[in-house]
Amino acid sequence: MRIAGIDVHLHWTFWLVPVCLVCNIFGFGEQVWFVTGVSLFLLLNLSFCVLLHELGHALVARRFGATTKDIIIAPFGGLARLTGMPKNPGQEFLISFAGPAVNLVIALLFAAGIIFAGGSLIPPSVFESLNQLPLILLWINLVLFLLNLIPAFPMDGGRMLRSILARRMSYLQATVIAGRVGQFTALFFSFYVALEQQFLLLPVGIFLFLSAQFELNRVRASEVNELERDSAEADSAER
């Protein structure tokens, strides 16, 4: 599928959620079809919101001359694979913030509709009616907005923090500081979930920690390549 000239793919893990729902379909009792249908509906809407989030990144990046190879949608996240990401701090900030901004706009639109209809914005503790779907989607988008502001790579907040730091220091130094902040955040998260005995969430902390290190290594390698290229060009010019 192509949207705005960008290829969009579903990651193979996307299909694991509906398969799991089908495998557990008999555990829902009398509400089997209701629970299954609502779960699949929420999955599709979550994926659509994630797609809009990634399109936000891609379209703003295009405005600054960067291209998007493709967008990959997974069950609970997505990735816009950008090429030629600008190192200009202002441009990187806008590209990084564009995704969360889309989720915030969606949340505000749902909030306005609910208020106009005379509803409450308090999140429901138990799902009881299809009328609660707009409210759930509001909070899903609000959570996506807040989560992506966490200053840890590969979250958008990590790149936004780097772009702010890069206004006063080199791109590499900004990446080092943002990366260390991200790793501290990952360690704090891992410690908290371990303390709460939520061990299934530990891989998330490990992933965030390694992602920060990967980004730091990538930028360091890029800086070395640029220095070597500049040195080679200088030697060629002297000859």
Protein backbone atom coordinates (compact mmCIF):
# COMPACT_ATOMS: atom_id res chain seq x y z
CA MET A 1 0.00 0.00 0.00
CA ARG A 2 1.22 3.52 -0.79
CA ILE A 3 0.11 6.71 0.94
CA ALA A 4 1.39 10.11 -0.19
CA GLY A 5 3.95 8.29 -2.33
CA ILE A 6 5.30 6.30 0.65
CA ASP A 7 5.20 2.51 0.87
CA VAL A 8 3.40 1.22 3.97
CA HIS A 9 3.99 -2.35 5.17
CA LEU A 10 2.52 -4.44 7.97
CA HIS A 11 5.20 -6.19 10.00
CA TRP A 12 4.62 -9.95 10.26
CA THR A 13 4.13 -9.61 14.04
CA PHE A 14 1.05 -7.49 13.33
CA TRP A 15 -0.93 -10.66 12.70
CA LEU A 16 0.04 -12.24 16.04
CA VAL A 17 -2.54 -10.22 17.98
CA PRO A 18 -5.62 -11.30 15.98
CA VAL A 19 -4.30 -14.88 15.94
CA CYS A 20 -3.96 -14.79 19.75
CA LEU A 21 -7.48 -13.41 20.03
CA VAL A 22 -8.84 -16.21 17.89
CA CYS A 23 -6.90 -18.82 19.89
CA ASN A 24 -8.34 -17.48 23.15
CA ILE A 25 -11.80 -16.81 21.79
CA PHE A 26 -13.44 -19.45 23.95
CA GLY A 27 -12.13 -17.91 27.15
CA PHE A 28 -14.38 -14.86 26.91
CA GLY A 29 -17.60 -16.64 27.82
CA GLU A 30 -20.91 -15.24 26.60
CA GLN A 31 -19.35 -11.96 25.46
CA VAL A 32 -16.97 -13.72 23.08
CA TRP A 33 -17.98 -11.88 19.90
CA PHE A 34 -18.31 -8.53 21.62
CA VAL A 35 -14.88 -8.71 23.26
CA THR A 36 -13.22 -10.07 20.12
CA GLY A 37 -14.84 -7.49 17.86
CA VAL A 38 -13.99 -4.58 20.15
CA SER A 39 -10.41 -5.79 20.56
CA LEU A 40 -9.91 -6.06 16.81
CA PHE A 41 -11.55 -2.66 16.29
CA LEU A 42 -9.24 -1.06 18.83
CA LEU A 43 -6.22 -2.77 17.23
CA LEU A 44 -7.17 -1.37 13.81
CA ASN A 45 -7.74 2.11 15.21
CA LEU A 46 -4.50 2.01 17.19
CA SER A 47 -2.64 0.95 14.05
CA PHE A 48 -4.29 3.75 12.08
CA CYS A 49 -3.25 6.30 14.72
CA VAL A 50 0.29 4.92 14.61
CA LEU A 51 0.24 5.23 10.82
CA LEU A 52 -0.85 8.87 11.05
CA HIS A 53 1.91 9.42 13.63
CA GLU A 54 4.56 8.07 11.27
CA LEU A 55 3.12 10.00 8.32
CA GLY A 56 3.54 13.13 10.42
CA HIS A 57 7.26 12.39 10.66
CA ALA A 58 7.54 11.50 6.98
CA LEU A 59 5.71 14.51 5.55
CA VAL A 60 7.56 17.05 7.70
CA ALA A 61 10.85 15.32 6.83
CA ARG A 62 9.95 15.63 3.15
CA ARG A 63 9.46 19.37 3.69
CA PHE A 64 13.13 19.58 4.75
CA GLY A 65 14.48 17.45 1.90
CA ALA A 66 14.64 14.09 3.68
CA THR A 67 12.95 11.10 2.07
CA THR A 68 11.11 8.16 3.62
CA LYS A 69 12.06 4.70 2.41
CA ASP A 70 8.90 3.19 3.86
CA ILE A 71 6.69 2.95 6.94
CA ILE A 72 6.41 -0.29 8.89
CA ILE A 73 3.41 -0.87 11.16
CA ALA A 74 3.70 -3.39 14.00
CA PRO A 75 0.98 -4.34 16.55
CA PHE A 76 1.79 -1.56 19.03
CA GLY A 77 4.14 0.74 17.19
CA GLY A 78 5.52 1.88 13.88
CA LEU A 79 8.65 3.07 12.17
CA ALA A 80 9.17 5.61 9.39
CA ARG A 81 12.54 4.77 7.85
CA LEU A 82 13.94 8.15 6.89
CA THR A 83 16.98 8.72 4.70
CA GLY A 84 19.02 11.89 4.73
CA MET A 85 17.86 12.98 8.19
CA PRO A 86 18.93 16.63 8.57
CA LYS A 87 21.34 17.54 11.38
CA ASN A 88 19.90 21.02 11.63
CA PRO A 89 18.60 21.16 15.24
CA GLY A 90 15.43 23.07 14.38
CA GLN A 91 14.53 20.74 11.53
CA GLU A 92 15.24 17.60 13.56
CA PHE A 93 13.05 18.92 16.39
CA LEU A 94 10.13 19.62 14.06
CA ILE A 95 10.44 16.23 12.35
CA SER A 96 10.61 14.44 15.71
CA PHE A 97 7.73 16.40 17.23
CA ALA A 98 5.48 16.00 14.18
CA GLY A 99 4.51 12.43 15.11
CA PRO A 100 3.43 13.11 18.71
CA ALA A 101 1.74 16.32 17.53
CA VAL A 102 -0.51 14.23 15.27
CA ASN A 103 -1.59 12.09 18.24
CA LEU A 104 -2.25 15.23 20.29
CA VAL A 105 -4.43 16.71 17.53
CA ILE A 106 -6.40 13.44 17.26
CA ALA A 107 -6.91 13.40 21.05
CA LEU A 108 -8.09 17.02 21.05
CA LEU A 109 -10.55 16.31 18.21
CA PHE A 110 -12.04 13.38 20.11
CA ALA A 111 -12.17 15.49 23.28
CA ALA A 112 -13.99 18.29 21.46
CA GLY A 113 -16.50 15.81 20.01
CA ILE A 114 -17.16 14.19 23.40
CA ILE A 115 -17.60 17.55 25.14
CA PHE A 116 -19.92 18.74 22.35
CA ALA A 117 -22.00 15.57 22.82
CA GLY A 118 -22.19 16.23 26.57
CA GLY A 119 -19.96 13.32 27.57
CA SER A 120 -17.27 12.99 30.22
CA LEU A 121 -13.52 12.90 29.55
CA ILE A 122 -12.78 10.68 32.56
CA PRO A 123 -11.31 7.36 31.35
CA PRO A 124 -13.59 4.37 32.04
CA SER A 125 -12.38 1.76 34.53
CA VAL A 126 -14.39 -0.98 32.79
CA PHE A 127 -15.41 -1.16 29.13
CA GLU A 128 -19.17 -1.56 29.04
CA SER A 129 -20.49 0.09 25.88
CA LEU A 130 -19.51 0.91 22.31
CA ASN A 131 -20.26 4.53 23.19
CA GLN A 132 -17.00 4.51 25.16
CA LEU A 133 -14.86 3.86 22.07
CA PRO A 134 -14.26 7.57 21.25
CA LEU A 135 -13.19 8.14 24.86
CA ILE A 136 -10.82 5.16 24.74
CA LEU A 137 -9.33 6.36 21.46
CA LEU A 138 -8.88 9.81 22.99
CA TRP A 139 -6.84 8.37 25.85
CA ILE A 140 -4.91 6.01 23.57
CA ASN A 141 -3.73 8.99 21.52
CA LEU A 142 -2.98 11.02 24.63
CA VAL A 143 -0.87 8.15 26.00
CA LEU A 144 0.92 7.83 22.64
CA PHE A 145 1.65 11.55 22.74
CA LEU A 146 3.09 11.41 26.27
CA LEU A 147 5.04 8.18 25.76
CA ASN A 148 6.77 9.56 22.69
CA LEU A 149 7.96 12.58 24.67
CA ILE A 150 10.04 10.35 26.97
CA PRO A 151 13.69 11.47 26.42
CA ALA A 152 14.99 8.05 25.40
CA PHE A 153 15.98 6.73 21.99
CA PRO A 154 14.25 5.54 19.83
CA MET A 155 11.39 7.59 21.28
CA ASP A 156 10.82 10.96 19.64
CA GLY A 157 11.62 12.66 22.92
CA GLY A 158 15.21 11.44 22.69
CA ARG A 159 15.68 13.10 19.31
CA MET A 160 13.92 16.24 20.48
CA LEU A 161 16.27 16.46 23.46
CA ARG A 162 19.27 16.02 21.16
CA SER A 163 18.05 18.77 18.83
CA ILE A 164 17.68 21.16 21.79
CA LEU A 165 21.18 20.34 23.08
CA ALA A 166 22.67 20.60 19.57
CA ARG A 167 21.86 24.31 19.53
CA ARG A 168 24.64 24.88 22.09
CA MET A 169 27.12 22.07 21.35
CA SER A 170 28.24 19.69 18.62
CA TYR A 171 25.87 17.07 17.23
CA LEU A 172 28.03 14.29 18.69
CA GLN A 173 28.14 15.85 22.16
CA ALA A 174 24.37 16.35 22.06
CA THR A 175 23.91 12.71 21.07
CA VAL A 176 26.15 11.54 23.91
CA ILE A 177 24.18 13.50 26.53
CA ALA A 178 20.77 12.56 25.08
CA GLY A 179 21.90 8.93 24.84
CA ARG A 180 23.05 8.85 28.47
CA VAL A 181 19.75 10.44 29.59
CA GLY A 182 17.92 7.77 27.61
CA GLN A 183 19.97 4.98 29.18
CA PHE A 184 19.37 6.36 32.68
CA THR A 185 15.64 6.46 31.87
CA ALA A 186 15.81 2.85 30.66
CA LEU A 187 17.62 1.73 33.82
CA PHE A 188 15.12 3.55 36.04
CA PHE A 189 12.23 1.94 34.12
CA SER A 190 13.82 -1.52 34.39
CA PHE A 191 14.42 -1.08 38.12
CA TYR A 192 10.82 0.05 38.66
CA VAL A 193 9.21 -2.83 36.74
CA ALA A 194 11.49 -5.32 38.50
CA LEU A 195 10.49 -3.83 41.86
CA GLU A 196 6.84 -4.19 40.85
CA GLN A 197 7.57 -7.73 39.62
CA GLN A 198 6.38 -6.84 36.11
CA PHE A 199 9.13 -8.90 34.54
CA LEU A 200 7.43 -9.09 31.15
CA LEU A 201 8.20 -5.37 30.74
CA LEU A 202 11.93 -5.78 31.37
CA PRO A 203 12.69 -6.32 27.65
CA VAL A 204 11.30 -2.81 27.01
CA GLY A 205 13.90 -1.30 29.33
CA ILE A 206 16.66 -3.38 27.74
CA PHE A 207 15.51 -2.33 24.28
CA LEU A 208 15.55 1.37 25.23
CA PHE A 209 19.03 1.06 26.75
CA LEU A 210 20.46 -0.69 23.68
CA SER A 211 18.71 1.70 21.29
CA ALA A 212 20.41 4.67 22.94
CA GLN A 213 23.80 2.94 22.61
CA PHE A 214 23.06 2.05 18.97
CA GLU A 215 22.24 5.68 18.13
CA LEU A 216 25.41 6.88 19.85
CA ASN A 217 27.54 4.35 17.94
CA ARG A 218 25.84 5.32 14.67
CA VAL A 219 26.55 9.03 15.13
CA ARG A 220 30.15 8.37 16.18
CA ALA A 221 30.70 6.23 13.07
CA SER A 222 29.10 8.93 10.90
CA GLU A 223 31.37 11.59 12.41
CA VAL A 224 34.47 9.45 11.75
CA ASN A 225 33.40 8.86 8.14
CA GLU A 226 32.87 12.58 7.59
CA LEU A 227 36.30 13.41 9.04
CA GLU A 228 37.96 10.80 6.83
CA ARG A 229 36.11 12.09 3.77
CA ASP A 230 37.07 15.69 4.52
CA SER A 231 40.68 14.65 5.06
CA ALA A 232 40.75 12.76 1.77
CA GLU A 233 39.26 15.74 -0.08
CA ALA A 234 41.83 18.06 1.49
CA ASP A 235 44.71 15.77 0.44
CA SER A 236 43.30 15.57 -3.07
CA ALA A 237 43.03 19.36 -3.28
CA GLU A 238 46.66 19.82 -2.18
CA ARG A 239 47.86 17.49 -4.90
